[in-house]
Structures are given as C-alpha cells and as structure tokens.
Amino acid sequence: RIMIVEDNASLRLFLMKSLSDIYQVDGAENGQEAIDKIKVQQPDLIISDVMMSVMDGETMCRTLKSDIETSHIPIILLTALGDKKDILRGLETKADITKPFDLMVLRANISNILENREIIRKKLQQASVNIESKTEDIPMPTNLDNEFMQKVTVLVKENLGKDLTVDTLCAGMNMSRTSFYNKIKALTGMAPNDARGSCSSQKPAVYCSRSSRHDGICRS
C-alpha cells in the first residue's frame, strides 16, 4: 500500500492512477493530512512532494521518522529543486529523493525499496528459527527501529519462563496493542504472537539487530 502526498490535485491523481495497476494507492493533500491518515492505517511506503502548504514534505518526513510507531515507513521525496543544499536537506530527513521526476525511475525505486524490506523481513524470520543465524548482520531501517527491537528482545529475555504475553510486551514498550502489532508486523512480517513464540522458544536475541550503516535512509 502506497500513499501519495501531493498538493497538486492533478499530479496526485496522475501518480495514483499510474501506480494503481500494481499497488493499492491512497492520497493526501499535504503532510498533516497524510499523518492523520497514517494514524488510522499505515502504508508500506510514502511518496511525497517537498513543497506543500500546511505541512511540507520534509517536516512530515522528520515527524514520521522521529516517531517509533512510524519510523520504519520508507519515504521517497519528489522535488524539482536541484541544488546540493536541497539534496543534503532531504537526506537529513532520512528519505530518498528522486529528481528530476521520471515515472519509470520512480517505479524502479519503489520496487527496490519494497523488495529490500521484504528481504530484511525474511532474514529476521529465518533467524527466529535458526539458532546459528548471525542476526547482527541484519540491518534495521533506522536507529530508532533498532532500539525498538533491542528493547523487545530485553523484555522477552527478562520474561523467559514466565507468563509472557503480548500485553506484557505492550506495557513494557508503552505502546497500545494496535501500535505494537503494526510495528512488529511491519518490521518482521510476523504477528506479535508468532514473533514472541519464535523469540522465546528458539532465540530471544533474534531481534537484537544492528542498525543500517546508512543511518535510516530509506533505501531498504
């Protein structure tokens, strides 16, 4: 599922139509509207313009990347701005920038990002049932996501042999069941009960993966 954030209605509809043959697509007029929609249902990837009223793409990106509930969502920023300062500012918000705008390049970028995320999920799933897997070689999308998984791992270790439930983990992470479910599912491809079962019965350190060397730039 992809969300298009663009204040130009014609371009937003064009992008939604152009991608709807492959993906489920939703749209938002600005960053704030996108954030409001994401609170209800999270997309797998966001494509956003940079220059928008109400909330621009960079502000939206920083907001999402600093929130543990949404930090894992990859974001592609589309901009017509071409100087070095604009590119660096985009990278600081931990997002890709595709410029100049090219639909074929955009499609390829989307495909690569989603495929790489799926590879990470499969590696984590394999590590959860393989005691010899080197989970330290599995990069997480961002440092915040790495910290999240490390904390989950610690909670599971501390509660081994006890009545460990999803509610216990949610309380320890100070998250609602819905938020915790969405986060675990997005990162591992497994529901919390499945992840908890693998973690507690096989290898509780499976989620203690290092952060990507790219410091969260959403290329994977």
N, C-alpha and C. Protein backbone atom coordinates (compact mmCIF):
# COMPACT_ATOMS: atom_id res chain seq x y z
N ARG A 1 0.85 -1.19 0.00
CA ARG A 1 0.00 0.00 0.00
C ARG A 1 0.88 1.24 0.00
N ILE A 2 0.59 2.16 -0.93
CA ILE A 2 1.40 3.36 -1.08
C ILE A 2 0.53 4.60 -0.88
N MET A 3 1.10 5.59 -0.20
CA MET A 3 0.41 6.86 -0.03
C MET A 3 1.12 7.94 -0.84
N ILE A 4 0.34 8.68 -1.63
CA ILE A 4 0.86 9.80 -2.41
C ILE A 4 0.50 11.09 -1.70
N VAL A 5 1.51 11.88 -1.34
CA VAL A 5 1.27 13.15 -0.66
C VAL A 5 1.68 14.27 -1.61
N GLU A 6 0.70 14.96 -2.13
CA GLU A 6 0.95 15.97 -3.16
C GLU A 6 -0.20 16.98 -3.16
N ASP A 7 0.15 18.29 -3.09
CA ASP A 7 -0.90 19.30 -3.02
C ASP A 7 -1.46 19.67 -4.39
N ASN A 8 -0.79 19.26 -5.45
CA ASN A 8 -1.31 19.47 -6.79
C ASN A 8 -2.25 18.32 -7.12
N ALA A 9 -3.54 18.59 -7.18
CA ALA A 9 -4.54 17.54 -7.35
C ALA A 9 -4.33 16.74 -8.63
N SER A 10 -3.98 17.42 -9.71
CA SER A 10 -3.80 16.74 -10.99
C SER A 10 -2.62 15.77 -10.93
N LEU A 11 -1.50 16.21 -10.36
CA LEU A 11 -0.33 15.35 -10.25
C LEU A 11 -0.59 14.21 -9.28
N ARG A 12 -1.28 14.51 -8.19
CA ARG A 12 -1.60 13.46 -7.21
C ARG A 12 -2.44 12.36 -7.86
N LEU A 13 -3.47 12.76 -8.60
CA LEU A 13 -4.33 11.78 -9.27
C LEU A 13 -3.57 11.02 -10.35
N PHE A 14 -2.67 11.71 -11.04
CA PHE A 14 -1.86 11.06 -12.07
C PHE A 14 -0.99 9.97 -11.46
N LEU A 15 -0.32 10.29 -10.35
CA LEU A 15 0.54 9.32 -9.69
C LEU A 15 -0.27 8.15 -9.15
N MET A 16 -1.41 8.44 -8.57
CA MET A 16 -2.25 7.38 -8.02
C MET A 16 -2.71 6.44 -9.13
N LYS A 17 -3.12 7.02 -10.25
CA LYS A 17 -3.57 6.20 -11.38
C LYS A 17 -2.42 5.41 -11.98
N SER A 18 -1.24 6.02 -12.06
CA SER A 18 -0.08 5.38 -12.67
C SER A 18 0.43 4.20 -11.87
N LEU A 19 0.19 4.22 -10.56
CA LEU A 19 0.70 3.15 -9.69
C LEU A 19 -0.38 2.15 -9.28
N SER A 20 -1.62 2.46 -9.58
CA SER A 20 -2.73 1.63 -9.10
C SER A 20 -2.83 0.28 -9.79
N ASP A 21 -2.11 0.11 -10.90
CA ASP A 21 -2.13 -1.19 -11.57
C ASP A 21 -1.31 -2.22 -10.82
N ILE A 22 -0.44 -1.77 -9.92
CA ILE A 22 0.41 -2.68 -9.15
C ILE A 22 0.12 -2.61 -7.66
N TYR A 23 -0.13 -1.40 -7.15
CA TYR A 23 -0.26 -1.20 -5.71
C TYR A 23 -1.63 -0.64 -5.33
N GLN A 24 -2.00 -0.86 -4.09
CA GLN A 24 -3.13 -0.13 -3.51
C GLN A 24 -2.62 1.27 -3.20
N VAL A 25 -3.34 2.28 -3.63
CA VAL A 25 -2.85 3.66 -3.52
C VAL A 25 -3.86 4.55 -2.82
N ASP A 26 -3.35 5.38 -1.93
CA ASP A 26 -4.16 6.38 -1.25
C ASP A 26 -3.49 7.73 -1.44
N GLY A 27 -4.23 8.81 -1.25
CA GLY A 27 -3.67 10.13 -1.46
C GLY A 27 -3.94 11.08 -0.30
N ALA A 28 -3.07 12.08 -0.17
CA ALA A 28 -3.24 13.13 0.83
C ALA A 28 -2.76 14.44 0.22
N GLU A 29 -3.38 15.54 0.63
CA GLU A 29 -3.10 16.84 0.02
C GLU A 29 -1.88 17.52 0.61
N ASN A 30 -1.52 17.15 1.84
CA ASN A 30 -0.34 17.75 2.48
C ASN A 30 0.16 16.82 3.58
N GLY A 31 1.27 17.20 4.18
CA GLY A 31 1.88 16.35 5.19
C GLY A 31 1.01 16.09 6.40
N GLN A 32 0.28 17.09 6.85
CA GLN A 32 -0.57 16.91 8.01
C GLN A 32 -1.71 15.94 7.73
N GLU A 33 -2.32 16.07 6.56
CA GLU A 33 -3.39 15.14 6.19
C GLU A 33 -2.84 13.72 6.10
N ALA A 34 -1.63 13.60 5.58
CA ALA A 34 -1.00 12.28 5.48
C ALA A 34 -0.80 11.67 6.86
N ILE A 35 -0.28 12.45 7.80
CA ILE A 35 -0.04 11.96 9.16
C ILE A 35 -1.35 11.52 9.81
N ASP A 36 -2.40 12.29 9.60
CA ASP A 36 -3.71 11.94 10.16
C ASP A 36 -4.20 10.61 9.60
N LYS A 37 -4.01 10.40 8.31
CA LYS A 37 -4.44 9.15 7.69
C LYS A 37 -3.58 7.97 8.14
N ILE A 38 -2.29 8.22 8.32
CA ILE A 38 -1.38 7.16 8.73
C ILE A 38 -1.71 6.65 10.13
N LYS A 39 -2.24 7.53 10.97
CA LYS A 39 -2.64 7.12 12.31
C LYS A 39 -3.76 6.08 12.26
N VAL A 40 -4.53 6.10 11.19
CA VAL A 40 -5.65 5.16 11.03
C VAL A 40 -5.18 3.88 10.34
N GLN A 41 -4.40 4.05 9.26
CA GLN A 41 -3.89 2.90 8.51
C GLN A 41 -2.53 3.25 7.92
N GLN A 42 -1.53 2.45 8.25
CA GLN A 42 -0.17 2.74 7.80
C GLN A 42 0.08 2.19 6.39
N PRO A 43 0.71 2.99 5.54
CA PRO A 43 1.11 2.49 4.22
C PRO A 43 2.44 1.76 4.31
N ASP A 44 2.78 1.04 3.26
CA ASP A 44 4.08 0.38 3.20
C ASP A 44 5.16 1.34 2.72
N LEU A 45 4.75 2.41 2.06
CA LEU A 45 5.69 3.38 1.53
C LEU A 45 4.96 4.69 1.25
N ILE A 46 5.66 5.79 1.41
CA ILE A 46 5.09 7.12 1.16
C ILE A 46 5.88 7.81 0.06
N ILE A 47 5.17 8.40 -0.89
CA ILE A 47 5.79 9.24 -1.91
C ILE A 47 5.25 10.65 -1.70
N SER A 48 6.14 11.60 -1.49
CA SER A 48 5.68 12.93 -1.11
C SER A 48 6.41 14.04 -1.87
N ASP A 49 5.64 15.07 -2.20
CA ASP A 49 6.24 16.30 -2.70
C ASP A 49 6.96 16.97 -1.52
N VAL A 50 7.88 17.87 -1.84
CA VAL A 50 8.58 18.59 -0.79
C VAL A 50 7.86 19.88 -0.44
N MET A 51 7.57 20.68 -1.45
CA MET A 51 6.96 21.99 -1.23
C MET A 51 5.45 21.87 -1.20
N MET A 52 4.85 22.02 -0.01
CA MET A 52 3.40 21.96 0.16
C MET A 52 2.98 22.93 1.26
N SER A 53 1.75 23.38 1.18
CA SER A 53 1.21 24.23 2.24
C SER A 53 0.79 23.36 3.42
N VAL A 54 0.45 23.99 4.53
CA VAL A 54 0.03 23.35 5.78
C VAL A 54 1.21 22.61 6.43
N MET A 55 1.71 21.58 5.77
CA MET A 55 2.92 20.89 6.23
C MET A 55 3.68 20.37 5.02
N ASP A 56 4.95 20.75 4.88
CA ASP A 56 5.73 20.33 3.72
C ASP A 56 6.26 18.92 3.91
N GLY A 57 6.85 18.38 2.83
CA GLY A 57 7.31 17.00 2.86
C GLY A 57 8.43 16.75 3.83
N GLU A 58 9.34 17.68 3.97
CA GLU A 58 10.46 17.50 4.89
C GLU A 58 10.00 17.45 6.34
N THR A 59 9.08 18.34 6.70
CA THR A 59 8.55 18.35 8.07
C THR A 59 7.80 17.06 8.35
N MET A 60 7.00 16.63 7.40
CA MET A 60 6.28 15.36 7.55
C MET A 60 7.26 14.21 7.74
N CYS A 61 8.30 14.20 6.93
CA CYS A 61 9.30 13.13 7.00
C CYS A 61 9.98 13.10 8.36
N ARG A 62 10.40 14.25 8.85
CA ARG A 62 11.05 14.31 10.17
C ARG A 62 10.10 13.86 11.27
N THR A 63 8.84 14.26 11.15
CA THR A 63 7.84 13.88 12.14
C THR A 63 7.66 12.37 12.18
N LEU A 64 7.53 11.76 11.03
CA LEU A 64 7.31 10.31 10.96
C LEU A 64 8.54 9.54 11.40
N LYS A 65 9.72 10.01 11.01
CA LYS A 65 10.95 9.30 11.33
C LYS A 65 11.35 9.43 12.80
N SER A 66 10.81 10.40 13.50
CA SER A 66 11.12 10.57 14.91
C SER A 66 10.09 9.90 15.82
N ASP A 67 9.08 9.28 15.23
CA ASP A 67 8.02 8.60 15.98
C ASP A 67 8.23 7.10 15.86
N ILE A 68 8.37 6.40 16.97
CA ILE A 68 8.63 4.97 16.96
C ILE A 68 7.55 4.20 16.23
N GLU A 69 6.33 4.71 16.20
CA GLU A 69 5.24 4.00 15.56
C GLU A 69 5.31 4.07 14.04
N THR A 70 6.05 5.04 13.51
CA THR A 70 6.07 5.23 12.06
C THR A 70 7.48 5.32 11.47
N SER A 71 8.51 5.19 12.29
CA SER A 71 9.87 5.40 11.82
C SER A 71 10.31 4.41 10.75
N HIS A 72 9.66 3.26 10.70
CA HIS A 72 10.03 2.22 9.75
C HIS A 72 9.50 2.46 8.33
N ILE A 73 8.56 3.38 8.17
CA ILE A 73 7.93 3.57 6.86
C ILE A 73 8.89 4.29 5.92
N PRO A 74 9.24 3.68 4.79
CA PRO A 74 10.14 4.35 3.84
C PRO A 74 9.43 5.51 3.14
N ILE A 75 10.18 6.56 2.87
CA ILE A 75 9.62 7.77 2.26
C ILE A 75 10.47 8.20 1.08
N ILE A 76 9.83 8.44 -0.04
CA ILE A 76 10.50 9.00 -1.22
C ILE A 76 10.03 10.43 -1.38
N LEU A 77 10.96 11.36 -1.38
CA LEU A 77 10.63 12.77 -1.59
C LEU A 77 10.86 13.13 -3.05
N LEU A 78 9.83 13.66 -3.67
CA LEU A 78 9.92 14.12 -5.06
C LEU A 78 10.10 15.63 -5.06
N THR A 79 11.12 16.10 -5.73
CA THR A 79 11.35 17.54 -5.75
C THR A 79 11.92 17.98 -7.08
N ALA A 80 11.58 19.19 -7.46
CA ALA A 80 12.14 19.79 -8.67
C ALA A 80 13.38 20.60 -8.33
N LEU A 81 13.64 20.75 -7.02
CA LEU A 81 14.81 21.51 -6.58
C LEU A 81 16.06 20.69 -6.85
N GLY A 82 17.09 21.35 -7.36
CA GLY A 82 18.23 20.58 -7.79
C GLY A 82 19.57 20.95 -7.21
N ASP A 83 19.65 21.93 -6.34
CA ASP A 83 20.98 22.27 -5.86
C ASP A 83 21.40 21.37 -4.70
N LYS A 84 22.68 21.41 -4.39
CA LYS A 84 23.25 20.49 -3.41
C LYS A 84 22.61 20.64 -2.04
N LYS A 85 22.29 21.86 -1.65
CA LYS A 85 21.72 22.08 -0.33
C LYS A 85 20.39 21.36 -0.19
N ASP A 86 19.56 21.41 -1.23
CA ASP A 86 18.26 20.76 -1.18
C ASP A 86 18.41 19.24 -1.07
N ILE A 87 19.39 18.68 -1.80
CA ILE A 87 19.61 17.25 -1.74
C ILE A 87 20.06 16.84 -0.34
N LEU A 88 21.01 17.57 0.24
CA LEU A 88 21.50 17.25 1.57
C LEU A 88 20.41 17.40 2.62
N ARG A 89 19.57 18.40 2.47
CA ARG A 89 18.49 18.59 3.43
C ARG A 89 17.52 17.41 3.36
N GLY A 90 17.30 16.91 2.16
CA GLY A 90 16.44 15.75 2.01
C GLY A 90 17.04 14.53 2.68
N LEU A 91 18.34 14.33 2.51
CA LEU A 91 19.00 13.19 3.12
C LEU A 91 18.96 13.26 4.64
N GLU A 92 19.02 14.46 5.17
CA GLU A 92 18.97 14.63 6.62
C GLU A 92 17.64 14.20 7.20
N THR A 93 16.59 14.20 6.39
CA THR A 93 15.28 13.76 6.86
C THR A 93 15.11 12.26 6.67
N LYS A 94 16.20 11.57 6.25
CA LYS A 94 16.20 10.12 6.11
C LYS A 94 15.21 9.67 5.05
N ALA A 95 15.32 10.19 3.86
CA ALA A 95 14.44 9.78 2.77
C ALA A 95 15.19 9.83 1.46
N ASP A 96 14.68 9.11 0.49
CA ASP A 96 15.23 9.16 -0.85
C ASP A 96 14.69 10.39 -1.57
N ILE A 97 15.45 10.87 -2.53
CA ILE A 97 14.97 11.94 -3.39
C ILE A 97 15.11 11.48 -4.83
N THR A 98 14.04 11.53 -5.57
CA THR A 98 14.07 11.18 -6.97
C THR A 98 13.92 12.45 -7.78
N LYS A 99 14.91 12.79 -8.58
CA LYS A 99 14.87 14.01 -9.36
C LYS A 99 15.77 13.87 -10.59
N PRO A 100 15.42 14.44 -11.73
CA PRO A 100 14.11 15.02 -11.97
C PRO A 100 13.03 13.93 -12.00
N PHE A 101 11.79 14.32 -11.92
CA PHE A 101 10.71 13.35 -11.83
C PHE A 101 10.64 12.50 -13.09
N ASP A 102 10.67 11.19 -12.92
CA ASP A 102 10.60 10.24 -14.03
C ASP A 102 9.82 9.04 -13.53
N LEU A 103 8.69 8.72 -14.18
CA LEU A 103 7.80 7.68 -13.70
C LEU A 103 8.47 6.31 -13.69
N MET A 104 9.27 6.01 -14.72
CA MET A 104 9.94 4.71 -14.77
C MET A 104 10.97 4.57 -13.64
N VAL A 105 11.71 5.65 -13.39
CA VAL A 105 12.68 5.63 -12.30
C VAL A 105 11.97 5.50 -10.96
N LEU A 106 10.86 6.19 -10.83
CA LEU A 106 10.08 6.12 -9.59
C LEU A 106 9.58 4.70 -9.35
N ARG A 107 9.04 4.07 -10.37
CA ARG A 107 8.57 2.69 -10.25
C ARG A 107 9.70 1.76 -9.81
N ALA A 108 10.86 1.94 -10.43
CA ALA A 108 12.00 1.09 -10.09
C ALA A 108 12.44 1.32 -8.65
N ASN A 109 12.43 2.58 -8.21
CA ASN A 109 12.81 2.92 -6.84
C ASN A 109 11.85 2.30 -5.84
N ILE A 110 10.57 2.40 -6.13
CA ILE A 110 9.55 1.81 -5.26
C ILE A 110 9.77 0.30 -5.14
N SER A 111 9.94 -0.34 -6.29
CA SER A 111 10.12 -1.79 -6.31
C SER A 111 11.35 -2.21 -5.51
N ASN A 112 12.45 -1.49 -5.69
CA ASN A 112 13.69 -1.83 -4.97
C ASN A 112 13.53 -1.69 -3.47
N ILE A 113 12.90 -0.59 -3.05
CA ILE A 113 12.71 -0.35 -1.61
C ILE A 113 11.85 -1.44 -0.99
N LEU A 114 10.74 -1.77 -1.62
CA LEU A 114 9.84 -2.78 -1.07
C LEU A 114 10.47 -4.17 -1.10
N GLU A 115 11.21 -4.47 -2.14
CA GLU A 115 11.88 -5.77 -2.22
C GLU A 115 12.95 -5.90 -1.13
N ASN A 116 13.69 -4.84 -0.91
CA ASN A 116 14.72 -4.87 0.13
C ASN A 116 14.12 -5.01 1.51
N ARG A 117 12.99 -4.35 1.74
CA ARG A 117 12.31 -4.51 3.03
C ARG A 117 11.85 -5.95 3.23
N GLU A 118 11.37 -6.57 2.16
CA GLU A 118 10.92 -7.96 2.25
C GLU A 118 12.09 -8.89 2.53
N ILE A 119 13.24 -8.60 1.96
CA ILE A 119 14.44 -9.40 2.23
C ILE A 119 14.80 -9.35 3.71
N ILE A 120 14.72 -8.15 4.29
CA ILE A 120 15.02 -7.99 5.72
C ILE A 120 14.03 -8.80 6.56
N ARG A 121 12.75 -8.74 6.21
CA ARG A 121 11.74 -9.50 6.95
C ARG A 121 12.03 -11.00 6.90
N LYS A 122 12.38 -11.49 5.72
CA LYS A 122 12.66 -12.92 5.58
C LYS A 122 13.89 -13.32 6.38
N LYS A 123 14.89 -12.46 6.41
CA LYS A 123 16.09 -12.76 7.19
C LYS A 123 15.76 -12.84 8.67
N LEU A 124 14.92 -11.93 9.14
CA LEU A 124 14.53 -11.95 10.55
C LEU A 124 13.70 -13.18 10.86
N GLN A 125 12.83 -13.58 9.93
CA GLN A 125 12.03 -14.78 10.14
C GLN A 125 12.91 -16.02 10.19
N GLN A 126 13.88 -16.09 9.30
CA GLN A 126 14.80 -17.23 9.29
C GLN A 126 15.63 -17.26 10.56
N ALA A 127 16.06 -16.08 11.00
CA ALA A 127 16.89 -16.00 12.21
C ALA A 127 16.10 -16.42 13.44
N SER A 128 14.80 -16.21 13.41
CA SER A 128 13.98 -16.53 14.58
C SER A 128 13.87 -18.03 14.82
N VAL A 129 14.16 -18.83 13.80
CA VAL A 129 14.06 -20.29 13.96
C VAL A 129 15.40 -20.99 13.72
N ASN A 130 16.45 -20.22 13.47
CA ASN A 130 17.77 -20.80 13.22
C ASN A 130 18.74 -20.29 14.27
N ILE A 131 19.12 -21.14 15.17
CA ILE A 131 19.95 -20.75 16.31
C ILE A 131 21.33 -20.26 15.88
N GLU A 132 21.77 -20.68 14.67
CA GLU A 132 23.11 -20.31 14.21
C GLU A 132 23.13 -19.06 13.34
N SER A 133 21.98 -18.47 13.12
CA SER A 133 21.92 -17.27 12.28
C SER A 133 22.63 -16.10 12.94
N LYS A 134 23.33 -15.32 12.13
CA LYS A 134 24.04 -14.15 12.63
C LYS A 134 23.14 -12.92 12.46
N THR A 135 22.33 -12.68 13.46
CA THR A 135 21.36 -11.59 13.34
C THR A 135 22.01 -10.22 13.38
N GLU A 136 23.27 -10.15 13.83
CA GLU A 136 23.93 -8.84 13.87
C GLU A 136 24.18 -8.31 12.46
N ASP A 137 24.07 -9.18 11.46
CA ASP A 137 24.29 -8.77 10.08
C ASP A 137 23.01 -8.29 9.41
N ILE A 138 21.90 -8.32 10.14
CA ILE A 138 20.62 -7.90 9.57
C ILE A 138 20.39 -6.43 9.91
N PRO A 139 20.38 -5.53 8.90
CA PRO A 139 20.17 -4.11 9.18
C PRO A 139 18.71 -3.79 9.42
N MET A 140 18.46 -2.89 10.34
CA MET A 140 17.11 -2.39 10.55
C MET A 140 16.96 -1.09 9.77
N PRO A 141 15.72 -0.70 9.45
CA PRO A 141 15.51 0.51 8.65
C PRO A 141 16.13 1.77 9.25
N THR A 142 16.00 1.95 10.56
CA THR A 142 16.53 3.15 11.21
C THR A 142 17.10 2.80 12.57
N ASN A 143 17.86 3.71 13.15
CA ASN A 143 18.38 3.50 14.51
C ASN A 143 17.24 3.35 15.51
N LEU A 144 16.17 4.11 15.31
CA LEU A 144 15.03 4.04 16.22
C LEU A 144 14.40 2.65 16.17
N ASP A 145 14.34 2.07 14.98
CA ASP A 145 13.79 0.72 14.84
C ASP A 145 14.71 -0.31 15.50
N ASN A 146 16.01 -0.09 15.38
CA ASN A 146 16.96 -0.98 16.03
C ASN A 146 16.80 -0.94 17.54
N GLU A 147 16.65 0.26 18.09
CA GLU A 147 16.45 0.41 19.53
C GLU A 147 15.16 -0.27 19.97
N PHE A 148 14.13 -0.15 19.15
CA PHE A 148 12.85 -0.78 19.46
C PHE A 148 13.01 -2.29 19.58
N MET A 149 13.67 -2.91 18.59
CA MET A 149 13.82 -4.35 18.59
C MET A 149 14.73 -4.82 19.72
N GLN A 150 15.74 -4.04 20.04
CA GLN A 150 16.61 -4.39 21.16
C GLN A 150 15.82 -4.39 22.47
N LYS A 151 14.95 -3.41 22.63
CA LYS A 151 14.17 -3.33 23.85
C LYS A 151 13.18 -4.49 23.94
N VAL A 152 12.58 -4.85 22.81
CA VAL A 152 11.69 -6.00 22.79
C VAL A 152 12.45 -7.26 23.19
N THR A 153 13.66 -7.42 22.66
CA THR A 153 14.49 -8.57 22.98
C THR A 153 14.78 -8.66 24.48
N VAL A 154 15.12 -7.52 25.07
CA VAL A 154 15.41 -7.48 26.51
C VAL A 154 14.18 -7.90 27.31
N LEU A 155 13.01 -7.40 26.90
CA LEU A 155 11.77 -7.75 27.61
C LEU A 155 11.49 -9.25 27.53
N VAL A 156 11.72 -9.81 26.34
CA VAL A 156 11.49 -11.25 26.18
C VAL A 156 12.47 -12.04 27.04
N LYS A 157 13.73 -11.65 27.05
CA LYS A 157 14.74 -12.35 27.86
C LYS A 157 14.38 -12.30 29.34
N GLU A 158 13.96 -11.13 29.79
CA GLU A 158 13.64 -10.95 31.20
C GLU A 158 12.43 -11.79 31.63
N ASN A 159 11.57 -12.11 30.67
CA ASN A 159 10.34 -12.83 31.00
C ASN A 159 10.33 -14.28 30.55
N LEU A 160 11.49 -14.78 30.12
CA LEU A 160 11.58 -16.19 29.75
C LEU A 160 11.21 -17.07 30.95
N GLY A 161 10.37 -18.07 30.70
CA GLY A 161 9.94 -18.94 31.78
C GLY A 161 8.76 -18.40 32.55
N LYS A 162 8.39 -17.18 32.26
CA LYS A 162 7.23 -16.57 32.92
C LYS A 162 6.05 -16.57 31.96
N ASP A 163 4.95 -16.05 32.39
CA ASP A 163 3.76 -15.98 31.55
C ASP A 163 3.88 -14.76 30.64
N LEU A 164 4.69 -14.91 29.61
CA LEU A 164 4.93 -13.80 28.68
C LEU A 164 3.77 -13.67 27.70
N THR A 165 3.17 -12.51 27.67
CA THR A 165 2.06 -12.25 26.76
C THR A 165 2.35 -10.99 25.95
N VAL A 166 1.57 -10.79 24.90
CA VAL A 166 1.69 -9.58 24.10
C VAL A 166 1.39 -8.36 24.96
N ASP A 167 0.44 -8.51 25.88
CA ASP A 167 0.12 -7.40 26.77
C ASP A 167 1.33 -7.00 27.63
N THR A 168 2.11 -7.99 28.04
CA THR A 168 3.32 -7.71 28.81
C THR A 168 4.29 -6.88 27.99
N LEU A 169 4.46 -7.27 26.73
CA LEU A 169 5.37 -6.55 25.84
C LEU A 169 4.85 -5.14 25.55
N CYS A 170 3.55 -5.03 25.32
CA CYS A 170 2.97 -3.71 25.05
C CYS A 170 3.18 -2.77 26.23
N ALA A 171 2.97 -3.30 27.43
CA ALA A 171 3.16 -2.48 28.63
C ALA A 171 4.62 -2.07 28.77
N GLY A 172 5.53 -3.00 28.51
CA GLY A 172 6.94 -2.69 28.62
C GLY A 172 7.42 -1.69 27.60
N MET A 173 6.78 -1.69 26.43
CA MET A 173 7.14 -0.76 25.37
C MET A 173 6.33 0.53 25.43
N ASN A 174 5.36 0.57 26.36
CA ASN A 174 4.47 1.73 26.50
C ASN A 174 3.75 2.03 25.18
N MET A 175 3.22 0.97 24.58
CA MET A 175 2.51 1.10 23.32
C MET A 175 1.18 0.37 23.41
N SER A 176 0.22 0.83 22.62
CA SER A 176 -1.06 0.13 22.54
C SER A 176 -0.88 -1.17 21.76
N ARG A 177 -1.83 -2.08 21.90
CA ARG A 177 -1.74 -3.35 21.17
C ARG A 177 -1.70 -3.11 19.66
N THR A 178 -2.50 -2.16 19.19
CA THR A 178 -2.55 -1.88 17.76
C THR A 178 -1.21 -1.35 17.26
N SER A 179 -0.66 -0.40 17.98
CA SER A 179 0.63 0.18 17.58
C SER A 179 1.74 -0.86 17.62
N PHE A 180 1.74 -1.67 18.67
CA PHE A 180 2.77 -2.71 18.79
C PHE A 180 2.63 -3.75 17.69
N TYR A 181 1.41 -4.15 17.42
CA TYR A 181 1.15 -5.12 16.35
C TYR A 181 1.65 -4.58 15.01
N ASN A 182 1.28 -3.33 14.69
CA ASN A 182 1.68 -2.73 13.41
C ASN A 182 3.20 -2.66 13.28
N LYS A 183 3.86 -2.32 14.38
CA LYS A 183 5.32 -2.17 14.34
C LYS A 183 6.02 -3.51 14.12
N ILE A 184 5.64 -4.50 14.90
CA ILE A 184 6.25 -5.82 14.76
C ILE A 184 5.95 -6.42 13.39
N LYS A 185 4.72 -6.28 12.96
CA LYS A 185 4.32 -6.83 11.66
C LYS A 185 5.09 -6.17 10.52
N ALA A 186 5.26 -4.85 10.60
CA ALA A 186 5.97 -4.12 9.55
C ALA A 186 7.44 -4.50 9.49
N LEU A 187 8.06 -4.69 10.65
CA LEU A 187 9.50 -4.97 10.69
C LEU A 187 9.83 -6.42 10.40
N THR A 188 9.00 -7.36 10.88
CA THR A 188 9.34 -8.77 10.78
C THR A 188 8.44 -9.57 9.85
N GLY A 189 7.29 -9.01 9.51
CA GLY A 189 6.34 -9.77 8.70
C GLY A 189 5.56 -10.77 9.52
N MET A 190 5.79 -10.79 10.84
CA MET A 190 5.11 -11.72 11.73
C MET A 190 4.23 -10.97 12.71
N ALA A 191 3.12 -11.59 13.09
CA ALA A 191 2.29 -11.02 14.15
C ALA A 191 3.03 -11.17 15.47
N PRO A 192 2.75 -10.30 16.46
CA PRO A 192 3.45 -10.37 17.74
C PRO A 192 3.43 -11.73 18.40
N ASN A 193 2.31 -12.45 18.35
CA ASN A 193 2.25 -13.78 18.96
C ASN A 193 3.22 -14.74 18.30
N ASP A 194 3.32 -14.67 16.96
CA ASP A 194 4.25 -15.53 16.24
C ASP A 194 5.69 -15.15 16.55
N ALA A 195 5.95 -13.85 16.55
CA ALA A 195 7.30 -13.38 16.83
C ALA A 195 7.70 -13.73 18.26
N ARG A 196 6.77 -13.56 19.19
CA ARG A 196 7.05 -13.87 20.59
C ARG A 196 7.34 -15.35 20.76
N GLY A 197 6.57 -16.19 20.06
CA GLY A 197 6.77 -17.62 20.17
C GLY A 197 8.13 -18.05 19.67
N SER A 198 8.52 -17.54 18.52
CA SER A 198 9.83 -17.88 17.96
C SER A 198 10.94 -17.36 18.85
N CYS A 199 10.73 -16.15 19.34
CA CYS A 199 11.76 -15.49 20.14
C CYS A 199 11.99 -16.23 21.46
N SER A 200 10.90 -16.62 22.10
CA SER A 200 11.04 -17.22 23.42
C SER A 200 11.47 -18.68 23.35
N SER A 201 11.08 -19.38 22.28
CA SER A 201 11.37 -20.80 22.23
C SER A 201 12.68 -21.12 21.54
N GLN A 202 13.15 -20.21 20.68
CA GLN A 202 14.35 -20.52 19.90
C GLN A 202 15.53 -19.62 20.24
N LYS A 203 15.31 -18.31 20.04
CA LYS A 203 16.48 -17.42 20.10
C LYS A 203 16.04 -16.01 20.45
N PRO A 204 15.95 -15.68 21.71
CA PRO A 204 15.44 -14.39 22.11
C PRO A 204 16.24 -13.22 21.60
N ALA A 205 17.47 -13.44 21.21
CA ALA A 205 18.29 -12.32 20.72
C ALA A 205 18.10 -12.07 19.24
N VAL A 206 17.13 -12.75 18.63
CA VAL A 206 16.95 -12.62 17.19
C VAL A 206 16.69 -11.19 16.76
N TYR A 207 16.04 -10.42 17.62
CA TYR A 207 15.68 -9.07 17.23
C TYR A 207 16.74 -8.04 17.57
N CYS A 208 17.85 -8.50 18.14
CA CYS A 208 18.87 -7.55 18.54
C CYS A 208 19.79 -7.27 17.36
N SER A 209 19.19 -6.74 16.28
CA SER A 209 19.94 -6.50 15.05
C SER A 209 20.52 -5.11 15.06
N ARG A 210 21.63 -4.97 14.36
CA ARG A 210 22.27 -3.67 14.31
C ARG A 210 21.51 -2.75 13.36
N SER A 211 21.72 -1.46 13.49
CA SER A 211 21.09 -0.50 12.59
C SER A 211 21.86 -0.44 11.29
N SER A 212 21.17 -0.03 10.23
CA SER A 212 21.81 0.12 8.93
C SER A 212 22.92 1.16 8.98
N ARG A 213 23.99 0.90 8.25
CA ARG A 213 25.10 1.85 8.17
C ARG A 213 24.66 3.16 7.53
N HIS A 214 23.50 3.11 6.82
CA HIS A 214 23.02 4.32 6.17
C HIS A 214 22.23 5.21 7.10
N ASP A 215 22.16 4.80 8.38
CA ASP A 215 21.52 5.63 9.42
C ASP A 215 20.08 5.95 9.07
N GLY A 216 19.38 4.96 8.50
CA GLY A 216 17.94 5.11 8.32
C GLY A 216 17.52 5.69 6.99
N ILE A 217 18.42 5.97 6.07
CA ILE A 217 18.00 6.45 4.76
C ILE A 217 17.19 5.33 4.12
N CYS A 218 16.02 5.68 3.66
CA CYS A 218 15.05 4.63 3.28
C CYS A 218 15.33 4.06 1.90
N ARG A 219 16.37 3.25 1.81
CA ARG A 219 16.65 2.54 0.57
C ARG A 219 16.37 1.07 0.71
N SER A 220 15.93 0.68 1.90
CA SER A 220 15.70 -0.73 2.07
C SER A 220 14.36 -0.97 2.74
